[in-house]
Structure formats: structure tokens, C-alpha cells
């Protein structure tokens, strides 16, 4: 990455056995599945909530603000793009309101701690996810 000029990283191909998955309902949003981007063999993996916008309305590729920020930070601390891989909890970008309960059932994903802190009504679901984690992994 030259200077801190954002660039479009190569996307990792979605595994064939899940490429047409409809379990979580996000396929209805018309967004395509993004498995990850960057170097899948990199020593550093960053896990984000969901892929950001990758194309403008005309289909021209661009770098969203999240990816631009990540790339800028990596550049400033001397981490090369080859040392990074970004993947997502949700593999499709939600473009409208979606059934979060259905999605959570299929992804076993908890709410972000800051979201819970800001919206105390999510605490119940957050704790259900933690209890599931303990049960599943016998921590």
C-alpha cells in the first residue's frame, strides 16, 4: 500500500458448499456473499461484523470507510496488506432492516458489547449468547 492510499484487497472465494446459503435471510437483501479479503494465510485476522459497501450504485468498486480506516491504521504502524486478512461474522452486507433473531440463530453471534451498553434491552440476548458459549465449549 503506497502512502496511506486505500486499495481494494482481493476477495477470498466463498466456499462452494455455502455460496447459495439462505439460512439467515440476508440473501433477500440482494447483497453478495463476501467470505473475506486480503491474504487468507496472513498472521493477523480481523473479524468485522459484516462487509461494507464494495461497489457504488453503478457497480464501480470502491473502498468503504471501515476498510479505509483499517488500511490507514495498518500503514501507520507498519503492517503490510500481506499480513492482514479480514473476515466477517455476517457474510452478506445488510442493506435494510433484517430479522436479527433469525440471523443470530444461524450465526451464533452475540451483540457487540457497546451496543448492549447503549441499549440495555439487549442484555438478555447478550447473556443468552454467553450461556450458549459456555455450554458449547464447556469453559
N, C-alpha and C. Protein backbone atom coordinates (compact mmCIF):
# COMPACT_ATOMS: atom_id res chain seq x y z
N UNK A 1 0.86 -1.16 0.00
CA UNK A 1 0.00 0.00 0.00
C UNK A 1 0.90 1.23 0.00
N UNK A 2 0.81 2.04 -0.99
CA UNK A 2 1.64 3.21 -1.08
C UNK A 2 1.03 4.32 -0.24
N UNK A 3 1.92 5.01 0.49
CA UNK A 3 1.47 6.03 1.45
C UNK A 3 0.33 5.43 2.24
N UNK A 4 -0.77 6.15 2.36
CA UNK A 4 -1.92 5.52 3.01
C UNK A 4 -3.09 5.52 2.03
N UNK A 5 -2.78 5.34 0.77
CA UNK A 5 -3.79 5.31 -0.27
C UNK A 5 -4.60 4.02 -0.17
N UNK A 6 -5.90 4.11 0.11
CA UNK A 6 -6.70 2.89 0.24
C UNK A 6 -6.73 2.11 -1.07
N UNK A 7 -6.74 0.80 -0.92
CA UNK A 7 -6.79 -0.06 -2.11
C UNK A 7 -7.80 -1.17 -1.90
N UNK A 8 -8.23 -1.74 -2.99
CA UNK A 8 -9.19 -2.84 -2.93
C UNK A 8 -8.39 -4.13 -2.80
N UNK A 9 -8.61 -4.84 -1.71
CA UNK A 9 -7.90 -6.09 -1.48
C UNK A 9 -8.61 -7.22 -2.20
N UNK A 10 -7.87 -8.25 -2.57
CA UNK A 10 -8.52 -9.38 -3.23
C UNK A 10 -9.47 -10.11 -2.28
N UNK A 11 -10.59 -10.53 -2.81
CA UNK A 11 -11.56 -11.27 -2.00
C UNK A 11 -11.26 -12.75 -2.05
N UNK A 12 -11.45 -13.41 -0.90
CA UNK A 12 -11.33 -14.86 -0.86
C UNK A 12 -12.62 -15.45 -1.42
N UNK A 13 -12.49 -16.46 -2.23
CA UNK A 13 -13.66 -17.11 -2.82
C UNK A 13 -14.51 -17.76 -1.73
N UNK A 14 -15.81 -17.56 -1.83
CA UNK A 14 -16.74 -18.20 -0.91
C UNK A 14 -16.75 -19.70 -1.19
N UNK A 15 -16.65 -20.53 -0.14
CA UNK A 15 -16.70 -21.98 -0.38
C UNK A 15 -17.97 -22.38 -1.12
N UNK A 16 -17.83 -23.28 -2.09
CA UNK A 16 -18.96 -23.68 -2.93
C UNK A 16 -20.15 -24.20 -2.13
N UNK A 17 -19.90 -24.91 -1.02
CA UNK A 17 -21.00 -25.53 -0.28
C UNK A 17 -21.85 -24.53 0.50
N UNK A 18 -21.41 -23.26 0.60
CA UNK A 18 -22.22 -22.25 1.28
C UNK A 18 -22.53 -21.04 0.40
N UNK A 19 -22.08 -21.07 -0.82
CA UNK A 19 -22.23 -19.92 -1.71
C UNK A 19 -23.69 -19.50 -1.90
N UNK A 20 -24.60 -20.43 -1.85
CA UNK A 20 -26.02 -20.12 -2.05
C UNK A 20 -26.83 -20.27 -0.78
N UNK A 21 -26.20 -20.09 0.36
CA UNK A 21 -26.86 -20.26 1.65
C UNK A 21 -28.00 -19.25 1.82
N UNK A 22 -29.12 -19.73 2.34
CA UNK A 22 -30.28 -18.86 2.59
C UNK A 22 -30.70 -18.91 4.06
N UNK A 23 -29.91 -19.55 4.90
CA UNK A 23 -30.31 -19.78 6.30
C UNK A 23 -30.64 -18.52 7.08
N UNK A 24 -29.81 -17.49 6.98
CA UNK A 24 -30.01 -16.32 7.83
C UNK A 24 -30.96 -15.29 7.24
N UNK A 25 -31.33 -15.42 6.00
CA UNK A 25 -32.27 -14.48 5.38
C UNK A 25 -31.64 -13.28 4.73
N UNK A 26 -30.34 -13.06 4.91
CA UNK A 26 -29.72 -11.87 4.31
C UNK A 26 -29.60 -11.96 2.79
N UNK A 27 -29.79 -13.14 2.25
CA UNK A 27 -29.74 -13.28 0.78
C UNK A 27 -30.85 -12.45 0.13
N UNK A 28 -31.92 -12.16 0.87
CA UNK A 28 -33.03 -11.37 0.31
C UNK A 28 -32.64 -9.91 0.11
N UNK A 29 -31.52 -9.49 0.65
CA UNK A 29 -31.10 -8.10 0.52
C UNK A 29 -30.43 -7.80 -0.81
N UNK A 30 -30.14 -8.85 -1.55
CA UNK A 30 -29.52 -8.65 -2.85
C UNK A 30 -28.02 -8.42 -2.78
N UNK A 31 -27.46 -8.44 -1.58
CA UNK A 31 -26.01 -8.26 -1.48
C UNK A 31 -25.34 -9.62 -1.69
N UNK A 32 -24.16 -9.57 -2.24
CA UNK A 32 -23.47 -10.83 -2.49
C UNK A 32 -22.69 -11.27 -1.27
N UNK A 33 -22.38 -12.56 -1.21
CA UNK A 33 -21.64 -13.10 -0.08
C UNK A 33 -20.16 -12.75 -0.23
N UNK A 34 -19.59 -12.25 0.85
CA UNK A 34 -18.16 -11.93 0.91
C UNK A 34 -17.56 -12.76 2.03
N UNK A 35 -16.71 -13.70 1.70
CA UNK A 35 -16.13 -14.59 2.71
C UNK A 35 -15.03 -13.88 3.49
N UNK A 36 -14.20 -13.17 2.78
CA UNK A 36 -13.11 -12.44 3.41
C UNK A 36 -12.29 -11.75 2.36
N UNK A 37 -11.33 -10.97 2.80
CA UNK A 37 -10.47 -10.27 1.85
C UNK A 37 -9.08 -10.10 2.42
N UNK A 38 -8.15 -9.95 1.53
CA UNK A 38 -6.76 -9.86 1.95
C UNK A 38 -6.11 -11.23 1.77
N UNK A 39 -5.11 -11.49 2.58
CA UNK A 39 -4.36 -12.74 2.50
C UNK A 39 -4.94 -13.76 3.48
N UNK A 40 -5.62 -14.80 2.99
CA UNK A 40 -6.22 -15.79 3.91
C UNK A 40 -5.20 -16.56 4.74
N UNK A 41 -3.92 -16.45 4.40
CA UNK A 41 -2.87 -17.12 5.17
C UNK A 41 -2.08 -16.14 6.03
N UNK A 42 -2.60 -14.94 6.17
CA UNK A 42 -1.91 -13.90 6.92
C UNK A 42 -1.84 -14.23 8.41
N UNK A 43 -0.85 -13.71 9.10
CA UNK A 43 -0.74 -13.95 10.53
C UNK A 43 -1.73 -13.15 11.37
N UNK A 44 -2.33 -12.13 10.79
CA UNK A 44 -3.28 -11.28 11.53
C UNK A 44 -4.65 -11.39 10.88
N UNK A 45 -5.65 -11.80 11.68
CA UNK A 45 -7.03 -11.87 11.19
C UNK A 45 -7.87 -10.84 11.93
N UNK A 46 -8.60 -10.07 11.17
CA UNK A 46 -9.52 -9.08 11.73
C UNK A 46 -10.93 -9.55 11.42
N UNK A 47 -11.78 -9.61 12.44
CA UNK A 47 -13.15 -10.05 12.26
C UNK A 47 -14.07 -8.85 12.47
N UNK A 48 -14.77 -8.49 11.40
CA UNK A 48 -15.73 -7.38 11.45
C UNK A 48 -17.15 -7.93 11.47
N UNK A 49 -18.11 -7.07 11.76
CA UNK A 49 -19.50 -7.52 11.84
C UNK A 49 -20.05 -7.97 10.50
N UNK A 50 -19.88 -7.16 9.48
CA UNK A 50 -20.37 -7.52 8.15
C UNK A 50 -19.60 -6.73 7.10
N UNK A 51 -19.61 -7.21 5.86
CA UNK A 51 -18.90 -6.49 4.81
C UNK A 51 -19.54 -5.12 4.56
N UNK A 52 -18.72 -4.14 4.32
CA UNK A 52 -19.23 -2.83 3.96
C UNK A 52 -19.56 -2.78 2.48
N UNK A 53 -19.97 -1.62 2.05
CA UNK A 53 -20.26 -1.44 0.63
C UNK A 53 -18.98 -1.64 -0.17
N UNK A 54 -19.07 -2.31 -1.28
CA UNK A 54 -17.91 -2.57 -2.12
C UNK A 54 -18.04 -1.94 -3.50
N UNK A 55 -19.25 -1.66 -3.88
CA UNK A 55 -19.49 -1.05 -5.18
C UNK A 55 -20.46 0.11 -5.01
N UNK A 56 -20.32 1.11 -5.86
CA UNK A 56 -21.30 2.19 -5.84
C UNK A 56 -22.54 1.73 -6.60
N UNK A 57 -23.50 2.60 -6.75
CA UNK A 57 -24.77 2.22 -7.40
C UNK A 57 -24.58 1.76 -8.85
N UNK A 58 -23.52 2.22 -9.47
CA UNK A 58 -23.24 1.83 -10.86
C UNK A 58 -22.40 0.55 -10.95
N UNK A 59 -22.01 -0.01 -9.79
CA UNK A 59 -21.21 -1.23 -9.80
C UNK A 59 -19.71 -1.02 -9.84
N UNK A 60 -19.27 0.24 -9.72
CA UNK A 60 -17.84 0.52 -9.71
C UNK A 60 -17.26 0.24 -8.32
N UNK A 61 -16.16 -0.50 -8.24
CA UNK A 61 -15.61 -0.83 -6.94
C UNK A 61 -15.07 0.40 -6.21
N UNK A 62 -15.19 0.40 -4.89
CA UNK A 62 -14.58 1.45 -4.08
C UNK A 62 -14.27 0.89 -2.69
N UNK A 63 -13.50 1.62 -1.93
CA UNK A 63 -13.12 1.21 -0.58
C UNK A 63 -14.00 1.95 0.41
N UNK A 64 -14.76 1.20 1.23
CA UNK A 64 -15.64 1.83 2.21
C UNK A 64 -14.82 2.44 3.34
N UNK A 65 -15.46 3.25 4.15
CA UNK A 65 -14.78 3.94 5.24
C UNK A 65 -14.13 3.01 6.24
N UNK A 66 -14.76 1.88 6.55
CA UNK A 66 -14.19 0.94 7.50
C UNK A 66 -12.88 0.38 6.97
N UNK A 67 -12.90 -0.07 5.73
CA UNK A 67 -11.69 -0.64 5.14
C UNK A 67 -10.61 0.43 4.99
N UNK A 68 -11.01 1.64 4.63
CA UNK A 68 -10.04 2.72 4.51
C UNK A 68 -9.37 2.99 5.86
N UNK A 69 -10.15 3.00 6.94
CA UNK A 69 -9.60 3.22 8.28
C UNK A 69 -8.66 2.11 8.68
N UNK A 70 -9.05 0.86 8.43
CA UNK A 70 -8.18 -0.28 8.74
C UNK A 70 -6.87 -0.20 7.97
N UNK A 71 -6.95 0.12 6.71
CA UNK A 71 -5.74 0.19 5.89
C UNK A 71 -4.83 1.33 6.34
N UNK A 72 -5.43 2.44 6.71
CA UNK A 72 -4.64 3.58 7.18
C UNK A 72 -3.92 3.22 8.48
N UNK A 73 -4.63 2.59 9.41
CA UNK A 73 -4.02 2.20 10.67
C UNK A 73 -2.89 1.20 10.44
N UNK A 74 -3.13 0.22 9.58
CA UNK A 74 -2.10 -0.78 9.28
C UNK A 74 -0.86 -0.11 8.70
N UNK A 75 -1.08 0.80 7.78
CA UNK A 75 0.04 1.51 7.16
C UNK A 75 0.83 2.30 8.21
N UNK A 76 0.10 2.99 9.08
CA UNK A 76 0.76 3.85 10.06
C UNK A 76 1.59 3.08 11.08
N UNK A 77 1.22 1.83 11.35
CA UNK A 77 2.02 1.03 12.30
C UNK A 77 2.98 0.09 11.58
N UNK A 78 3.02 0.15 10.26
CA UNK A 78 3.98 -0.64 9.51
C UNK A 78 3.56 -2.07 9.21
N UNK A 79 2.27 -2.35 9.22
CA UNK A 79 1.78 -3.68 8.87
C UNK A 79 1.39 -3.68 7.40
N UNK A 80 1.92 -4.64 6.66
CA UNK A 80 1.63 -4.69 5.23
C UNK A 80 0.30 -5.38 4.97
N UNK A 81 -0.26 -5.13 3.82
CA UNK A 81 -1.51 -5.78 3.42
C UNK A 81 -1.35 -7.29 3.38
N UNK A 82 -0.16 -7.78 3.06
CA UNK A 82 0.09 -9.23 3.02
C UNK A 82 -0.05 -9.89 4.38
N UNK A 83 0.07 -9.10 5.44
CA UNK A 83 -0.01 -9.63 6.80
C UNK A 83 -1.41 -9.57 7.39
N UNK A 84 -2.40 -9.17 6.58
CA UNK A 84 -3.76 -8.99 7.08
C UNK A 84 -4.80 -9.79 6.30
N UNK A 85 -5.75 -10.30 7.05
CA UNK A 85 -6.92 -10.95 6.45
C UNK A 85 -8.13 -10.44 7.21
N UNK A 86 -9.14 -10.01 6.49
CA UNK A 86 -10.37 -9.51 7.09
C UNK A 86 -11.49 -10.47 6.74
N UNK A 87 -12.23 -10.89 7.74
CA UNK A 87 -13.41 -11.72 7.51
C UNK A 87 -14.56 -11.15 8.32
N UNK A 88 -15.73 -11.75 8.19
CA UNK A 88 -16.94 -11.16 8.74
C UNK A 88 -17.79 -12.18 9.47
N UNK A 89 -18.48 -11.72 10.50
CA UNK A 89 -19.43 -12.57 11.21
C UNK A 89 -20.60 -12.87 10.27
N UNK A 90 -21.19 -11.81 9.74
CA UNK A 90 -22.23 -11.96 8.71
C UNK A 90 -21.52 -11.87 7.37
N UNK A 91 -21.78 -12.79 6.50
CA UNK A 91 -21.05 -12.83 5.24
C UNK A 91 -21.69 -12.01 4.13
N UNK A 92 -22.86 -11.45 4.41
CA UNK A 92 -23.53 -10.56 3.45
C UNK A 92 -23.78 -9.22 4.13
N UNK A 93 -23.75 -8.18 3.35
CA UNK A 93 -23.99 -6.84 3.87
C UNK A 93 -25.49 -6.60 3.99
N UNK A 94 -25.97 -6.36 5.21
CA UNK A 94 -27.39 -5.99 5.34
C UNK A 94 -27.59 -4.60 4.73
N UNK A 95 -28.59 -4.46 3.88
CA UNK A 95 -28.84 -3.16 3.26
C UNK A 95 -30.18 -2.57 3.71
N UNK A 96 -30.85 -3.28 4.57
CA UNK A 96 -32.11 -2.81 5.14
C UNK A 96 -32.31 -3.55 6.46
N UNK A 97 -33.36 -3.21 7.15
CA UNK A 97 -33.66 -3.92 8.40
C UNK A 97 -33.80 -5.41 8.11
N UNK A 98 -33.34 -6.22 9.04
CA UNK A 98 -33.43 -7.67 8.83
C UNK A 98 -33.82 -8.36 10.12
N UNK A 99 -34.19 -9.60 10.02
CA UNK A 99 -34.63 -10.40 11.17
C UNK A 99 -33.39 -10.81 11.97
N UNK A 100 -33.05 -10.00 12.95
CA UNK A 100 -31.83 -10.24 13.73
C UNK A 100 -31.91 -11.55 14.51
N UNK A 101 -33.09 -11.89 15.01
CA UNK A 101 -33.22 -13.15 15.76
C UNK A 101 -32.94 -14.35 14.86
N UNK A 102 -33.49 -14.35 13.66
CA UNK A 102 -33.24 -15.45 12.72
C UNK A 102 -31.76 -15.52 12.36
N UNK A 103 -31.17 -14.37 12.13
CA UNK A 103 -29.76 -14.32 11.78
C UNK A 103 -28.90 -14.80 12.94
N UNK A 104 -29.22 -14.38 14.16
CA UNK A 104 -28.45 -14.80 15.33
C UNK A 104 -28.54 -16.31 15.52
N UNK A 105 -29.70 -16.90 15.24
CA UNK A 105 -29.84 -18.35 15.39
C UNK A 105 -28.90 -19.10 14.46
N UNK A 106 -28.70 -18.59 13.27
CA UNK A 106 -27.89 -19.28 12.27
C UNK A 106 -26.41 -18.96 12.38
N UNK A 107 -26.05 -17.86 13.01
CA UNK A 107 -24.65 -17.48 13.07
C UNK A 107 -24.06 -17.61 14.47
N UNK A 108 -24.89 -17.80 15.46
CA UNK A 108 -24.45 -17.84 16.86
C UNK A 108 -23.58 -16.64 17.18
N UNK A 109 -24.07 -15.51 16.83
CA UNK A 109 -23.34 -14.27 17.03
C UNK A 109 -24.01 -13.46 18.12
N UNK A 110 -23.20 -12.90 18.96
CA UNK A 110 -23.73 -12.05 20.01
C UNK A 110 -23.78 -10.60 19.53
N UNK A 111 -24.43 -9.80 20.30
CA UNK A 111 -24.41 -8.37 20.02
C UNK A 111 -23.07 -7.79 20.43
N UNK A 112 -22.69 -6.72 19.79
CA UNK A 112 -21.46 -6.03 20.15
C UNK A 112 -21.63 -5.46 21.56
N UNK A 113 -20.62 -5.60 22.41
CA UNK A 113 -20.74 -5.11 23.79
C UNK A 113 -21.14 -3.64 23.90
N UNK A 114 -20.67 -2.79 23.00
CA UNK A 114 -21.07 -1.38 23.07
C UNK A 114 -22.55 -1.20 22.73
N UNK A 115 -23.06 -2.05 21.83
CA UNK A 115 -24.50 -1.98 21.51
C UNK A 115 -25.32 -2.35 22.74
N UNK A 116 -24.85 -3.36 23.48
CA UNK A 116 -25.56 -3.78 24.70
C UNK A 116 -25.50 -2.68 25.74
N UNK A 117 -24.36 -2.07 25.85
CA UNK A 117 -24.18 -0.99 26.83
C UNK A 117 -25.11 0.19 26.52
N UNK A 118 -25.26 0.48 25.25
CA UNK A 118 -26.11 1.61 24.84
C UNK A 118 -27.60 1.27 24.85
N UNK A 119 -27.89 -0.04 24.67
CA UNK A 119 -29.28 -0.48 24.62
C UNK A 119 -29.46 -1.63 25.61
N UNK A 120 -29.72 -1.31 26.88
CA UNK A 120 -29.82 -2.32 27.93
C UNK A 120 -30.84 -3.43 27.65
N UNK A 121 -31.81 -3.16 26.80
CA UNK A 121 -32.79 -4.20 26.47
C UNK A 121 -32.16 -5.39 25.75
N UNK A 122 -30.92 -5.24 25.25
CA UNK A 122 -30.22 -6.33 24.58
C UNK A 122 -29.48 -7.25 25.55
N UNK A 123 -29.39 -6.84 26.82
CA UNK A 123 -28.63 -7.62 27.81
C UNK A 123 -29.11 -9.06 27.87
N UNK A 124 -30.40 -9.27 27.87
CA UNK A 124 -30.96 -10.62 27.94
C UNK A 124 -30.40 -11.50 26.81
N UNK A 125 -30.40 -10.99 25.59
CA UNK A 125 -29.92 -11.76 24.45
C UNK A 125 -28.40 -11.95 24.51
N UNK A 126 -27.71 -10.93 24.95
CA UNK A 126 -26.27 -10.99 25.10
C UNK A 126 -25.89 -12.11 26.07
N UNK A 127 -26.60 -12.18 27.18
CA UNK A 127 -26.32 -13.22 28.18
C UNK A 127 -26.72 -14.61 27.67
N UNK A 128 -27.79 -14.69 26.90
CA UNK A 128 -28.14 -15.98 26.29
C UNK A 128 -27.00 -16.49 25.42
N UNK A 129 -26.40 -15.60 24.67
CA UNK A 129 -25.28 -15.97 23.81
C UNK A 129 -24.08 -16.43 24.64
N UNK A 130 -23.81 -15.74 25.73
CA UNK A 130 -22.70 -16.14 26.59
C UNK A 130 -22.97 -17.50 27.24
N UNK A 131 -24.20 -17.74 27.64
CA UNK A 131 -24.54 -19.04 28.22
C UNK A 131 -24.39 -20.15 27.17
N UNK A 132 -24.80 -19.86 25.96
CA UNK A 132 -24.62 -20.82 24.87
C UNK A 132 -23.13 -21.12 24.68
N UNK A 133 -22.33 -20.08 24.69
CA UNK A 133 -20.89 -20.25 24.52
C UNK A 133 -20.31 -21.17 25.60
N UNK A 134 -20.69 -20.91 26.84
CA UNK A 134 -20.19 -21.73 27.95
C UNK A 134 -20.64 -23.17 27.79
N UNK A 135 -21.89 -23.38 27.43
CA UNK A 135 -22.41 -24.73 27.26
C UNK A 135 -21.72 -25.45 26.10
N UNK A 136 -21.54 -24.73 25.00
CA UNK A 136 -20.97 -25.35 23.80
C UNK A 136 -19.49 -25.67 23.97
N UNK A 137 -18.79 -24.84 24.70
CA UNK A 137 -17.34 -25.02 24.80
C UNK A 137 -16.87 -25.45 26.19
N UNK A 138 -17.83 -25.60 27.11
CA UNK A 138 -17.51 -26.08 28.47
C UNK A 138 -16.36 -25.28 29.10
N UNK A 139 -16.52 -23.98 29.07
CA UNK A 139 -15.50 -23.09 29.66
C UNK A 139 -15.59 -23.19 31.17
